[in-house]
PDB file of all heavy atoms in Angstrom:
ATOM      1  N   GLY A   1    -167.918  83.727 182.865  1.00  0.00           N
ATOM      2  CA  GLY A   1    -167.942  84.199 181.556  1.00  0.00           C
ATOM      3  C   GLY A   1    -169.301  84.351 180.946  1.00  0.00           C
ATOM      4  O   GLY A   1    -169.532  84.794 179.761  1.00  0.00           O
ATOM      5  N   ASN A   2    -170.330  84.060 181.744  1.00  0.00           N
ATOM      6  CA  ASN A   2    -171.765  84.157 181.215  1.00  0.00           C
ATOM      7  C   ASN A   2    -172.800  84.446 182.380  1.00  0.00           C
ATOM      8  O   ASN A   2    -173.761  83.863 182.379  1.00  0.00           O
ATOM      9  CB  ASN A   2    -172.046  82.796 180.465  1.00  0.00           C
ATOM     10  CG  ASN A   2    -173.421  82.884 179.808  1.00  0.00           C
ATOM     11  OD1 ASN A   2    -173.802  83.880 179.264  1.00  0.00           O
ATOM     12  ND2 ASN A   2    -174.086  81.715 179.757  1.00  0.00           N
ATOM     13  N   HIS A   3    -172.305  85.323 183.171  1.00  0.00           N
ATOM     14  CA  HIS A   3    -173.087  85.494 184.456  1.00  0.00           C
ATOM     15  C   HIS A   3    -174.036  86.638 184.485  1.00  0.00           C
ATOM     16  O   HIS A   3    -174.064  87.467 183.705  1.00  0.00           O
ATOM     17  CB  HIS A   3    -172.101  85.617 185.643  1.00  0.00           C
ATOM     18  CG  HIS A   3    -171.494  86.957 185.702  1.00  0.00           C
ATOM     19  ND1 HIS A   3    -170.424  87.268 184.961  1.00  0.00           N
ATOM     20  CD2 HIS A   3    -171.571  87.990 186.640  1.00  0.00           C
ATOM     21  CE1 HIS A   3    -170.045  88.495 185.325  1.00  0.00           C
ATOM     22  NE2 HIS A   3    -170.739  88.928 186.186  1.00  0.00           N
ATOM     23  N   ASP A   4    -174.854  86.611 185.489  1.00  0.00           N
ATOM     24  CA  ASP A   4    -175.806  87.691 185.749  1.00  0.00           C
ATOM     25  C   ASP A   4    -175.271  88.467 187.050  1.00  0.00           C
ATOM     26  O   ASP A   4    -174.642  87.866 187.897  1.00  0.00           O
ATOM     27  CB  ASP A   4    -177.267  87.218 186.086  1.00  0.00           C
ATOM     28  CG  ASP A   4    -177.759  86.291 184.997  1.00  0.00           C
ATOM     29  OD1 ASP A   4    -177.931  86.739 183.885  1.00  0.00           O
ATOM     30  OD2 ASP A   4    -177.910  85.120 185.333  1.00  0.00           O
ATOM     31  N   GLU A   5    -175.642  89.783 187.052  1.00  0.00           N
ATOM     32  CA  GLU A   5    -175.186  90.588 188.286  1.00  0.00           C
ATOM     33  C   GLU A   5    -175.951  91.820 188.503  1.00  0.00           C
ATOM     34  O   GLU A   5    -176.467  92.371 187.434  1.00  0.00           O
ATOM     35  CB  GLU A   5    -173.716  90.927 187.988  1.00  0.00           C
ATOM     36  CG  GLU A   5    -172.987  91.579 189.128  1.00  0.00           C
ATOM     37  CD  GLU A   5    -171.433  91.668 188.873  1.00  0.00           C
ATOM     38  OE1 GLU A   5    -170.879  90.681 188.526  1.00  0.00           O
ATOM     39  OE2 GLU A   5    -170.950  92.693 189.086  1.00  0.00           O
ATOM     40  N   ILE A   6    -176.257  92.219 189.671  1.00  0.00           N
ATOM     41  CA  ILE A   6    -176.987  93.352 190.120  1.00  0.00           C
ATOM     42  C   ILE A   6    -176.071  94.112 191.091  1.00  0.00           C
ATOM     43  O   ILE A   6    -175.772  93.604 192.238  1.00  0.00           O
ATOM     44  CB  ILE A   6    -178.339  93.111 190.732  1.00  0.00           C
ATOM     45  CG1 ILE A   6    -179.157  92.240 189.674  1.00  0.00           C
ATOM     46  CG2 ILE A   6    -179.085  94.467 190.809  1.00  0.00           C
ATOM     47  CD1 ILE A   6    -180.490  91.734 190.329  1.00  0.00           C
ATOM     48  N   ASP A   7    -175.613  95.329 190.756  1.00  0.00           N
ATOM     49  CA  ASP A   7    -174.602  95.905 191.644  1.00  0.00           C
ATOM     50  C   ASP A   7    -175.070  97.226 192.264  1.00  0.00           C
ATOM     51  O   ASP A   7    -175.768  98.057 191.653  1.00  0.00           O
ATOM     52  CB  ASP A   7    -173.446  96.422 190.735  1.00  0.00           C
ATOM     53  CG  ASP A   7    -172.750  95.261 190.082  1.00  0.00           C
ATOM     54  OD1 ASP A   7    -172.748  94.100 190.532  1.00  0.00           O
ATOM     55  OD2 ASP A   7    -172.084  95.447 189.016  1.00  0.00           O
ATOM     56  N   ILE A   8    -174.464  97.477 193.505  1.00  0.00           N
ATOM     57  CA  ILE A   8    -174.397  98.822 194.148  1.00  0.00           C
ATOM     58  C   ILE A   8    -172.921  98.917 194.485  1.00  0.00           C
ATOM     59  O   ILE A   8    -172.411  98.233 195.107  1.00  0.00           O
ATOM     60  CB  ILE A   8    -175.251  98.982 195.400  1.00  0.00           C
ATOM     61  CG1 ILE A   8    -176.779  98.993 194.975  1.00  0.00           C
ATOM     62  CG2 ILE A   8    -174.919 100.239 196.116  1.00  0.00           C
ATOM     63  CD1 ILE A   8    -177.622  99.154 196.244  1.00  0.00           C
ATOM     64  N   GLU A   9    -172.257  99.923 193.721  1.00  0.00           N
ATOM     65  CA  GLU A   9    -170.833 100.028 193.968  1.00  0.00           C
ATOM     66  C   GLU A   9    -170.607 101.547 194.341  1.00  0.00           C
ATOM     67  O   GLU A   9    -171.129 102.459 193.730  1.00  0.00           O
ATOM     68  CB  GLU A   9    -170.093  99.845 192.630  1.00  0.00           C
ATOM     69  CG  GLU A   9    -170.372  98.332 192.124  1.00  0.00           C
ATOM     70  CD  GLU A   9    -169.747  98.082 190.725  1.00  0.00           C
ATOM     71  OE1 GLU A   9    -170.292  98.585 189.790  1.00  0.00           O
ATOM     72  OE2 GLU A   9    -168.697  97.432 190.769  1.00  0.00           O
ATOM     73  N   PHE A  10    -169.775 101.733 195.269  1.00  0.00           N
ATOM     74  CA  PHE A  10    -169.355 103.145 195.587  1.00  0.00           C
ATOM     75  C   PHE A  10    -167.903 103.322 195.031  1.00  0.00           C
ATOM     76  O   PHE A  10    -166.916 102.629 195.445  1.00  0.00           O
ATOM     77  CB  PHE A  10    -169.287 103.298 197.211  1.00  0.00           C
ATOM     78  CG  PHE A  10    -170.567 103.061 197.777  1.00  0.00           C
ATOM     79  CD1 PHE A  10    -170.982 101.782 198.298  1.00  0.00           C
ATOM     80  CD2 PHE A  10    -171.593 104.025 197.817  1.00  0.00           C
ATOM     81  CE1 PHE A  10    -172.305 101.611 198.939  1.00  0.00           C
ATOM     82  CE2 PHE A  10    -172.833 103.872 198.426  1.00  0.00           C
ATOM     83  CZ  PHE A  10    -173.187 102.574 198.970  1.00  0.00           C
ATOM     84  N   LEU A  11    -167.806 104.272 194.170  1.00  0.00           N
ATOM     85  CA  LEU A  11    -166.504 104.438 193.464  1.00  0.00           C
ATOM     86  C   LEU A  11    -165.858 105.621 194.201  1.00  0.00           C
ATOM     87  O   LEU A  11    -166.356 106.744 194.303  1.00  0.00           O
ATOM     88  CB  LEU A  11    -166.934 104.886 191.951  1.00  0.00           C
ATOM     89  CG  LEU A  11    -167.820 103.889 191.282  1.00  0.00           C
ATOM     90  CD1 LEU A  11    -167.894 104.274 189.814  1.00  0.00           C
ATOM     91  CD2 LEU A  11    -167.170 102.386 191.330  1.00  0.00           C
ATOM     92  N   GLY A  12    -164.617 105.363 194.504  1.00  0.00           N
ATOM     93  CA  GLY A  12    -163.906 106.217 195.324  1.00  0.00           C
ATOM     94  C   GLY A  12    -163.546 107.506 194.547  1.00  0.00           C
ATOM     95  O   GLY A  12    -163.710 107.642 193.291  1.00  0.00           O
ATOM     96  N   THR A  13    -163.036 108.491 195.214  1.00  0.00           N
ATOM     97  CA  THR A  13    -162.863 109.811 194.749  1.00  0.00           C
ATOM     98  C   THR A  13    -161.595 110.628 195.199  1.00  0.00           C
ATOM     99  O   THR A  13    -160.932 110.072 196.047  1.00  0.00           O
ATOM    100  CB  THR A  13    -164.172 110.593 195.015  1.00  0.00           C
ATOM    101  OG1 THR A  13    -164.105 111.874 194.348  1.00  0.00           O
ATOM    102  CG2 THR A  13    -164.330 110.831 196.470  1.00  0.00           C
ATOM    103  N   THR A  14    -161.401 111.707 194.519  1.00  0.00           N
ATOM    104  CA  THR A  14    -160.264 112.575 195.009  1.00  0.00           C
ATOM    105  C   THR A  14    -160.769 113.530 196.206  1.00  0.00           C
ATOM    106  O   THR A  14    -161.983 113.522 196.447  1.00  0.00           O
ATOM    107  CB  THR A  14    -159.789 113.428 193.829  1.00  0.00           C
ATOM    108  OG1 THR A  14    -160.804 114.050 193.238  1.00  0.00           O
ATOM    109  CG2 THR A  14    -159.174 112.501 192.730  1.00  0.00           C
ATOM    110  N   LEU A  15    -159.848 114.197 196.721  1.00  0.00           N
ATOM    111  CA  LEU A  15    -160.219 115.007 197.966  1.00  0.00           C
ATOM    112  C   LEU A  15    -161.275 116.087 197.751  1.00  0.00           C
ATOM    113  O   LEU A  15    -162.056 116.429 198.691  1.00  0.00           O
ATOM    114  CB  LEU A  15    -158.950 115.633 198.531  1.00  0.00           C
ATOM    115  CG  LEU A  15    -157.900 114.615 198.959  1.00  0.00           C
ATOM    116  CD1 LEU A  15    -156.551 115.530 199.246  1.00  0.00           C
ATOM    117  CD2 LEU A  15    -158.337 113.903 200.240  1.00  0.00           C
ATOM    118  N   ASP A  16    -161.423 116.581 196.493  1.00  0.00           N
ATOM    119  CA  ASP A  16    -162.353 117.646 196.251  1.00  0.00           C
ATOM    120  C   ASP A  16    -163.759 117.231 195.680  1.00  0.00           C
ATOM    121  O   ASP A  16    -164.483 118.062 195.290  1.00  0.00           O
ATOM    122  CB  ASP A  16    -161.673 118.671 195.345  1.00  0.00           C
ATOM    123  CG  ASP A  16    -161.255 118.106 194.135  1.00  0.00           C
ATOM    124  OD1 ASP A  16    -161.035 116.891 194.072  1.00  0.00           O
ATOM    125  OD2 ASP A  16    -161.147 118.713 193.098  1.00  0.00           O
ATOM    126  N   LYS A  17    -163.951 115.935 195.512  1.00  0.00           N
ATOM    127  CA  LYS A  17    -165.181 115.514 194.808  1.00  0.00           C
ATOM    128  C   LYS A  17    -165.876 114.442 195.717  1.00  0.00           C
ATOM    129  O   LYS A  17    -165.352 113.662 196.414  1.00  0.00           O
ATOM    130  CB  LYS A  17    -164.860 115.024 193.452  1.00  0.00           C
ATOM    131  CG  LYS A  17    -164.289 116.143 192.621  1.00  0.00           C
ATOM    132  CD  LYS A  17    -163.945 115.553 191.174  1.00  0.00           C
ATOM    133  CE  LYS A  17    -163.287 116.640 190.308  1.00  0.00           C
ATOM    134  NZ  LYS A  17    -162.826 116.094 189.072  1.00  0.00           N
ATOM    135  N   PRO A  18    -167.240 114.361 195.467  1.00  0.00           N
ATOM    136  CA  PRO A  18    -168.079 113.351 196.156  1.00  0.00           C
ATOM    137  C   PRO A  18    -167.962 111.973 195.706  1.00  0.00           C
ATOM    138  O   PRO A  18    -167.597 111.785 194.504  1.00  0.00           O
ATOM    139  CB  PRO A  18    -169.414 113.873 196.059  1.00  0.00           C
ATOM    140  CG  PRO A  18    -169.478 114.594 194.750  1.00  0.00           C
ATOM    141  CD  PRO A  18    -168.134 115.207 194.636  1.00  0.00           C
ATOM    142  N   TYR A  19    -168.236 110.942 196.483  1.00  0.00           N
ATOM    143  CA  TYR A  19    -168.380 109.570 195.986  1.00  0.00           C
ATOM    144  C   TYR A  19    -169.423 109.506 194.926  1.00  0.00           C
ATOM    145  O   TYR A  19    -170.393 110.272 194.804  1.00  0.00           O
ATOM    146  CB  TYR A  19    -168.819 108.703 197.128  1.00  0.00           C
ATOM    147  CG  TYR A  19    -167.703 107.948 197.872  1.00  0.00           C
ATOM    148  CD1 TYR A  19    -167.235 108.659 199.071  1.00  0.00           C
ATOM    149  CD2 TYR A  19    -167.232 106.752 197.597  1.00  0.00           C
ATOM    150  CE1 TYR A  19    -166.244 108.104 199.886  1.00  0.00           C
ATOM    151  CE2 TYR A  19    -166.175 106.134 198.309  1.00  0.00           C
ATOM    152  CZ  TYR A  19    -165.764 106.727 199.430  1.00  0.00           C
ATOM    153  OH  TYR A  19    -164.738 106.187 200.185  1.00  0.00           O
ATOM    154  N   VAL A  20    -169.214 108.466 194.039  1.00  0.00           N
ATOM    155  CA  VAL A  20    -170.249 108.113 192.917  1.00  0.00           C
ATOM    156  C   VAL A  20    -170.840 106.858 193.371  1.00  0.00           C
ATOM    157  O   VAL A  20    -170.061 105.793 193.641  1.00  0.00           O
ATOM    158  CB  VAL A  20    -169.586 108.017 191.628  1.00  0.00           C
ATOM    159  CG1 VAL A  20    -170.562 107.469 190.561  1.00  0.00           C
ATOM    160  CG2 VAL A  20    -169.144 109.431 191.148  1.00  0.00           C
ATOM    161  N   LEU A  21    -172.084 106.719 193.442  1.00  0.00           N
ATOM    162  CA  LEU A  21    -172.770 105.422 193.642  1.00  0.00           C
ATOM    163  C   LEU A  21    -173.237 104.916 192.358  1.00  0.00           C
ATOM    164  O   LEU A  21    -173.980 105.624 191.602  1.00  0.00           O
ATOM    165  CB  LEU A  21    -174.084 105.537 194.580  1.00  0.00           C
ATOM    166  CG  LEU A  21    -174.720 104.342 194.981  1.00  0.00           C
ATOM    167  CD1 LEU A  21    -175.649 104.561 196.257  1.00  0.00           C
ATOM    168  CD2 LEU A  21    -175.656 103.757 193.926  1.00  0.00           C
ATOM    169  N   GLN A  22    -172.691 103.780 191.870  1.00  0.00           N
ATOM    170  CA  GLN A  22    -172.953 103.283 190.561  1.00  0.00           C
ATOM    171  C   GLN A  22    -173.898 102.014 190.793  1.00  0.00           C
ATOM    172  O   GLN A  22    -173.570 101.092 191.477  1.00  0.00           O
ATOM    173  CB  GLN A  22    -171.704 102.848 189.858  1.00  0.00           C
ATOM    174  CG  GLN A  22    -172.039 101.971 188.593  1.00  0.00           C
ATOM    175  CD  GLN A  22    -170.802 101.876 187.726  1.00  0.00           C
ATOM    176  OE1 GLN A  22    -170.361 102.838 187.030  1.00  0.00           O
ATOM    177  NE2 GLN A  22    -170.167 100.639 187.694  1.00  0.00           N
ATOM    178  N   THR A  23    -175.047 102.011 190.100  1.00  0.00           N
ATOM    179  CA  THR A  23    -175.928 100.885 189.955  1.00  0.00           C
ATOM    180  C   THR A  23    -175.667 100.169 188.674  1.00  0.00           C
ATOM    181  O   THR A  23    -175.484 100.944 187.664  1.00  0.00           O
ATOM    182  CB  THR A  23    -177.377 101.231 190.110  1.00  0.00           C
ATOM    183  OG1 THR A  23    -177.780 102.086 188.994  1.00  0.00           O
ATOM    184  CG2 THR A  23    -177.647 102.054 191.492  1.00  0.00           C
ATOM    185  N   ASN A  24    -175.767  98.943 188.568  1.00  0.00           N
ATOM    186  CA  ASN A  24    -175.592  98.299 187.275  1.00  0.00           C
ATOM    187  C   ASN A  24    -176.361  96.969 187.266  1.00  0.00           C
ATOM    188  O   ASN A  24    -176.510  96.329 188.316  1.00  0.00           O
ATOM    189  CB  ASN A  24    -174.074  98.011 187.111  1.00  0.00           C
ATOM    190  CG  ASN A  24    -173.575  97.780 185.712  1.00  0.00           C
ATOM    191  OD1 ASN A  24    -174.443  97.843 184.775  1.00  0.00           O
ATOM    192  ND2 ASN A  24    -172.287  97.911 185.493  1.00  0.00           N
ATOM    193  N   VAL A  25    -176.659  96.452 186.027  1.00  0.00           N
ATOM    194  CA  VAL A  25    -177.315  95.249 185.843  1.00  0.00           C
ATOM    195  C   VAL A  25    -176.607  94.533 184.707  1.00  0.00           C
ATOM    196  O   VAL A  25    -176.463  95.067 183.617  1.00  0.00           O
ATOM    197  CB  VAL A  25    -178.822  95.362 185.520  1.00  0.00           C
ATOM    198  CG1 VAL A  25    -179.577  94.053 185.239  1.00  0.00           C
ATOM    199  CG2 VAL A  25    -179.506  96.113 186.575  1.00  0.00           C
ATOM    200  N   TYR A  26    -176.205  93.248 184.878  1.00  0.00           N
ATOM    201  CA  TYR A  26    -175.658  92.454 183.797  1.00  0.00           C
ATOM    202  C   TYR A  26    -176.619  91.243 183.592  1.00  0.00           C
ATOM    203  O   TYR A  26    -177.152  90.805 184.505  1.00  0.00           O
ATOM    204  CB  TYR A  26    -174.315  91.878 184.146  1.00  0.00           C
ATOM    205  CG  TYR A  26    -173.152  92.756 184.313  1.00  0.00           C
ATOM    206  CD1 TYR A  26    -172.379  92.809 185.449  1.00  0.00           C
ATOM    207  CD2 TYR A  26    -172.827  93.666 183.202  1.00  0.00           C
ATOM    208  CE1 TYR A  26    -171.387  93.719 185.559  1.00  0.00           C
ATOM    209  CE2 TYR A  26    -171.715  94.569 183.410  1.00  0.00           C
ATOM    210  CZ  TYR A  26    -170.987  94.568 184.552  1.00  0.00           C
ATOM    211  OH  TYR A  26    -169.923  95.438 184.702  1.00  0.00           O
ATOM    212  N   ILE A  27    -176.845  90.906 182.293  1.00  0.00           N
ATOM    213  CA  ILE A  27    -177.512  89.692 181.934  1.00  0.00           C
ATOM    214  C   ILE A  27    -176.695  88.842 181.164  1.00  0.00           C
ATOM    215  O   ILE A  27    -176.254  89.272 180.055  1.00  0.00           O
ATOM    216  CB  ILE A  27    -178.883  90.044 181.266  1.00  0.00           C
ATOM    217  CG1 ILE A  27    -179.859  90.912 182.054  1.00  0.00           C
ATOM    218  CG2 ILE A  27    -179.623  88.806 180.829  1.00  0.00           C
ATOM    219  CD1 ILE A  27    -179.612  92.328 181.890  1.00  0.00           C
ATOM    220  N   ARG A  28    -176.374  87.612 181.608  1.00  0.00           N
ATOM    221  CA  ARG A  28    -175.575  86.580 180.858  1.00  0.00           C
ATOM    222  C   ARG A  28    -174.305  87.427 180.375  1.00  0.00           C
ATOM    223  O   ARG A  28    -173.855  87.307 179.304  1.00  0.00           O
ATOM    224  CB  ARG A  28    -176.233  86.006 179.790  1.00  0.00           C
ATOM    225  CG  ARG A  28    -177.476  85.220 180.209  1.00  0.00           C
ATOM    226  CD  ARG A  28    -178.202  84.366 179.277  1.00  0.00           C
ATOM    227  NE  ARG A  28    -179.305  83.641 179.795  1.00  0.00           N
ATOM    228  CZ  ARG A  28    -179.283  82.472 180.361  1.00  0.00           C
ATOM    229  NH1 ARG A  28    -178.163  81.795 180.399  1.00  0.00           N
ATOM    230  NH2 ARG A  28    -180.345  81.932 180.803  1.00  0.00           N
ATOM    231  N   GLY A  29    -173.782  88.120 181.361  1.00  0.00           N
ATOM    232  CA  GLY A  29    -172.712  89.090 181.334  1.00  0.00           C
ATOM    233  C   GLY A  29    -171.700  89.110 180.163  1.00  0.00           C
ATOM    234  O   GLY A  29    -171.807  89.942 179.250  1.00  0.00           O
ATOM    235  N   SER A  30    -170.726  88.316 180.224  1.00  0.00           N
ATOM    236  CA  SER A  30    -169.665  88.398 179.304  1.00  0.00           C
ATOM    237  C   SER A  30    -169.583  87.200 178.407  1.00  0.00           C
ATOM    238  O   SER A  30    -168.331  86.857 178.007  1.00  0.00           O
ATOM    239  CB  SER A  30    -168.328  88.734 180.085  1.00  0.00           C
ATOM    240  OG  SER A  30    -168.258  87.773 181.067  1.00  0.00           O
ATOM    241  N   GLY A  31    -170.669  86.604 178.089  1.00  0.00           N
ATOM    242  CA  GLY A  31    -170.655  85.420 177.291  1.00  0.00           C
ATOM    243  C   GLY A  31    -170.002  85.583 175.931  1.00  0.00           C
ATOM    244  O   GLY A  31    -169.391  84.728 175.335  1.00  0.00           O
ATOM    245  N   ASP A  32    -170.217  86.916 175.374  1.00  0.00           N
ATOM    246  CA  ASP A  32    -169.590  87.136 174.084  1.00  0.00           C
ATOM    247  C   ASP A  32    -168.183  87.827 174.254  1.00  0.00           C
ATOM    248  O   ASP A  32    -167.690  88.536 173.392  1.00  0.00           O
ATOM    249  CB  ASP A  32    -170.565  88.085 173.236  1.00  0.00           C
ATOM    250  CG  ASP A  32    -170.948  89.338 173.959  1.00  0.00           C
ATOM    251  OD1 ASP A  32    -170.440  89.473 175.106  1.00  0.00           O
ATOM    252  OD2 ASP A  32    -171.721  90.063 173.414  1.00  0.00           O
ATOM    253  N   ARG A  33    -167.651  87.709 175.435  1.00  0.00           N
ATOM    254  CA  ARG A  33    -166.466  88.423 175.852  1.00  0.00           C
ATOM    255  C   ARG A  33    -166.445  89.954 175.824  1.00  0.00           C
ATOM    256  O   ARG A  33    -165.446  90.697 175.826  1.00  0.00           O
ATOM    257  CB  ARG A  33    -165.264  87.918 174.918  1.00  0.00           C
ATOM    258  CG  ARG A  33    -165.012  86.418 175.039  1.00  0.00           C
ATOM    259  CD  ARG A  33    -164.359  86.180 176.359  1.00  0.00           C
ATOM    260  NE  ARG A  33    -164.189  84.651 176.644  1.00  0.00           N
ATOM    261  CZ  ARG A  33    -165.072  83.994 177.301  1.00  0.00           C
ATOM    262  NH1 ARG A  33    -166.063  84.460 178.003  1.00  0.00           N
ATOM    263  NH2 ARG A  33    -164.908  82.623 177.575  1.00  0.00           N
ATOM    264  N   LYS A  34    -167.691  90.463 175.726  1.00  0.00           N
ATOM    265  CA  LYS A  34    -167.837  91.912 175.768  1.00  0.00           C
ATOM    266  C   LYS A  34    -168.946  92.286 176.694  1.00  0.00           C
ATOM    267  O   LYS A  34    -170.109  91.972 176.439  1.00  0.00           O
ATOM    268  CB  LYS A  34    -168.109  92.436 174.399  1.00  0.00           C
ATOM    269  CG  LYS A  34    -168.408  94.006 174.414  1.00  0.00           C
ATOM    270  CD  LYS A  34    -168.587  94.421 172.991  1.00  0.00           C
ATOM    271  CE  LYS A  34    -168.933  95.948 172.919  1.00  0.00           C
ATOM    272  NZ  LYS A  34    -167.900  96.882 173.365  1.00  0.00           N
ATOM    273  N   ILE A  35    -168.549  92.652 177.945  1.00  0.00           N
ATOM    274  CA  ILE A  35    -169.573  92.884 179.050  1.00  0.00           C
ATOM    275  C   ILE A  35    -170.493  93.952 178.537  1.00  0.00           C
ATOM    276  O   ILE A  35    -170.005  95.095 178.236  1.00  0.00           O
ATOM    277  CB  ILE A  35    -168.914  93.103 180.342  1.00  0.00           C
ATOM    278  CG1 ILE A  35    -168.247  91.806 180.779  1.00  0.00           C
ATOM    279  CG2 ILE A  35    -169.840  93.604 181.331  1.00  0.00           C
ATOM    280  CD1 ILE A  35    -167.395  92.010 182.047  1.00  0.00           C
ATOM    281  N   ILE A  36    -171.770  93.862 178.624  1.00  0.00           N
ATOM    282  CA  ILE A  36    -172.714  94.913 178.411  1.00  0.00           C
ATOM    283  C   ILE A  36    -173.342  95.376 179.725  1.00  0.00           C
ATOM    284  O   ILE A  36    -174.093  94.716 180.339  1.00  0.00           O
ATOM    285  CB  ILE A  36    -173.864  94.437 177.456  1.00  0.00           C
ATOM    286  CG1 ILE A  36    -173.169  93.978 176.164  1.00  0.00           C
ATOM    287  CG2 ILE A  36    -174.845  95.550 177.230  1.00  0.00           C
ATOM    288  CD1 ILE A  36    -174.202  93.075 175.295  1.00  0.00           C
ATOM    289  N   GLY A  37    -172.750  96.456 180.186  1.00  0.00           N
ATOM    290  CA  GLY A  37    -173.287  97.093 181.442  1.00  0.00           C
ATOM    291  C   GLY A  37    -174.511  97.958 181.293  1.00  0.00           C
ATOM    292  O   GLY A  37    -174.656  98.447 180.164  1.00  0.00           O
ATOM    293  N   ARG A  38    -175.183  98.115 182.341  1.00  0.00           N
ATOM    294  CA  ARG A  38    -176.410  98.956 182.187  1.00  0.00           C
ATOM    295  C   ARG A  38    -176.364 100.016 183.423  1.00  0.00           C
ATOM    296  O   ARG A  38    -177.057  99.927 184.299  1.00  0.00           O
ATOM    297  CB  ARG A  38    -177.648  98.211 182.286  1.00  0.00           C
ATOM    298  CG  ARG A  38    -177.889  97.369 181.026  1.00  0.00           C
ATOM    299  CD  ARG A  38    -178.924  96.309 181.184  1.00  0.00           C
ATOM    300  NE  ARG A  38    -179.369  95.710 179.915  1.00  0.00           N
ATOM    301  CZ  ARG A  38    -178.663  94.753 179.191  1.00  0.00           C
ATOM    302  NH1 ARG A  38    -177.500  94.272 179.777  1.00  0.00           N
ATOM    303  NH2 ARG A  38    -179.090  94.302 178.103  1.00  0.00           N
ATOM    304  N   GLU A  39    -175.285 100.821 183.429  1.00  0.00           N
ATOM    305  CA  GLU A  39    -174.924 101.745 184.437  1.00  0.00           C
ATOM    306  C   GLU A  39    -175.796 102.941 184.609  1.00  0.00           C
ATOM    307  O   GLU A  39    -176.059 103.617 183.659  1.00  0.00           O
ATOM    308  CB  GLU A  39    -173.434 102.163 184.304  1.00  0.00           C
ATOM    309  CG  GLU A  39    -172.429 101.107 184.296  1.00  0.00           C
ATOM    310  CD  GLU A  39    -172.179 100.626 182.889  1.00  0.00           C
ATOM    311  OE1 GLU A  39    -172.891 100.926 181.870  1.00  0.00           O
ATOM    312  OE2 GLU A  39    -171.108  99.892 182.682  1.00  0.00           O
ATOM    313  N   MET A  40    -176.245 103.177 185.862  1.00  0.00           N
ATOM    314  CA  MET A  40    -176.702 104.484 186.204  1.00  0.00           C
ATOM    315  C   MET A  40    -175.920 104.979 187.432  1.00  0.00           C
ATOM    316  O   MET A  40    -175.793 104.221 188.353  1.00  0.00           O
ATOM    317  CB  MET A  40    -178.217 104.425 186.407  1.00  0.00           C
ATOM    318  CG  MET A  40    -179.053 104.392 185.161  1.00  0.00           C
ATOM    319  SD  MET A  40    -180.879 104.230 185.425  1.00  0.00           S
ATOM    320  CE  MET A  40    -181.249 105.893 186.191  1.00  0.00           C
ATOM    321  N   LYS A  41    -175.462 106.162 187.339  1.00  0.00           N
ATOM    322  CA  LYS A  41    -174.577 106.707 188.429  1.00  0.00           C
ATOM    323  C   LYS A  41    -175.220 107.919 189.105  1.00  0.00           C
ATOM    324  O   LYS A  41    -175.887 108.679 188.478  1.00  0.00           O
ATOM    325  CB  LYS A  41    -173.230 107.046 187.904  1.00  0.00           C
ATOM    326  CG  LYS A  41    -172.503 105.997 187.105  1.00  0.00           C
ATOM    327  CD  LYS A  41    -171.061 106.385 186.643  1.00  0.00           C
ATOM    328  CE  LYS A  41    -170.393 105.404 185.905  1.00  0.00           C
ATOM    329  NZ  LYS A  41    -169.111 105.745 185.358  1.00  0.00           N
ATOM    330  N   PHE A  42    -174.990 108.033 190.345  1.00  0.00           N
ATOM    331  CA  PHE A  42    -175.500 109.096 191.234  1.00  0.00           C
ATOM    332  C   PHE A  42    -174.546 109.720 192.228  1.00  0.00           C
ATOM    333  O   PHE A  42    -173.654 108.986 192.638  1.00  0.00           O
ATOM    334  CB  PHE A  42    -176.675 108.529 192.108  1.00  0.00           C
ATOM    335  CG  PHE A  42    -177.765 107.833 191.350  1.00  0.00           C
ATOM    336  CD1 PHE A  42    -177.676 106.503 190.971  1.00  0.00           C
ATOM    337  CD2 PHE A  42    -178.974 108.522 190.997  1.00  0.00           C
ATOM    338  CE1 PHE A  42    -178.582 105.827 190.235  1.00  0.00           C
ATOM    339  CE2 PHE A  42    -179.916 107.947 190.255  1.00  0.00           C
ATOM    340  CZ  PHE A  42    -179.748 106.552 189.899  1.00  0.00           C
ATOM    341  N   HIS A  43    -174.695 110.910 192.455  1.00  0.00           N
ATOM    342  CA  HIS A  43    -174.113 111.529 193.774  1.00  0.00           C
ATOM    343  C   HIS A  43    -175.231 111.300 194.736  1.00  0.00           C
ATOM    344  O   HIS A  43    -176.379 111.010 194.532  1.00  0.00           O
ATOM    345  CB  HIS A  43    -173.712 112.903 193.530  1.00  0.00           C
ATOM    346  CG  HIS A  43    -172.530 113.098 192.716  1.00  0.00           C
ATOM    347  ND1 HIS A  43    -172.323 114.211 191.934  1.00  0.00           N
ATOM    348  CD2 HIS A  43    -171.309 112.401 192.664  1.00  0.00           C
ATOM    349  CE1 HIS A  43    -171.153 114.089 191.323  1.00  0.00           C
ATOM    350  NE2 HIS A  43    -170.579 112.998 191.761  1.00  0.00           N
ATOM    351  N   LEU A  44    -174.823 111.524 196.051  1.00  0.00           N
ATOM    352  CA  LEU A  44    -175.828 111.414 197.139  1.00  0.00           C
ATOM    353  C   LEU A  44    -176.118 112.745 197.812  1.00  0.00           C
ATOM    354  O   LEU A  44    -175.376 113.647 197.608  1.00  0.00           O
ATOM    355  CB  LEU A  44    -175.212 110.461 198.222  1.00  0.00           C
ATOM    356  CG  LEU A  44    -175.008 108.951 197.714  1.00  0.00           C
ATOM    357  CD1 LEU A  44    -174.134 108.111 198.610  1.00  0.00           C
ATOM    358  CD2 LEU A  44    -176.395 108.292 197.646  1.00  0.00           C
ATOM    359  N   TRP A  45    -177.197 112.845 198.327  1.00  0.00           N
ATOM    360  CA  TRP A  45    -177.619 114.013 199.076  1.00  0.00           C
ATOM    361  C   TRP A  45    -177.235 114.128 200.512  1.00  0.00           C
ATOM    362  O   TRP A  45    -177.717 115.024 201.254  1.00  0.00           O
ATOM    363  CB  TRP A  45    -179.223 114.154 199.020  1.00  0.00           C
ATOM    364  CG  TRP A  45    -179.917 112.968 199.419  1.00  0.00           C
ATOM    365  CD1 TRP A  45    -180.444 112.681 200.733  1.00  0.00           C
ATOM    366  CD2 TRP A  45    -180.222 111.686 198.682  1.00  0.00           C
ATOM    367  NE1 TRP A  45    -181.001 111.509 200.907  1.00  0.00           N
ATOM    368  CE2 TRP A  45    -180.871 110.830 199.615  1.00  0.00           C
ATOM    369  CE3 TRP A  45    -179.944 111.231 197.471  1.00  0.00           C
ATOM    370  CZ2 TRP A  45    -181.310 109.590 199.226  1.00  0.00           C
ATOM    371  CZ3 TRP A  45    -180.435 110.070 197.086  1.00  0.00           C
ATOM    372  CH2 TRP A  45    -181.061 109.184 197.998  1.00  0.00           C
TER     373      TRP A  45
END
């Protein structure tokens, strides 16, 4: 309920679209019950 996190996540996709690589950083994550993400998303080359 109050954690830190650093993510590399591969978000699955439909047949006609590429994967999304999501990076994210949480700081004392969901201590206020509202997670504040810091997402940056990419396609790959």
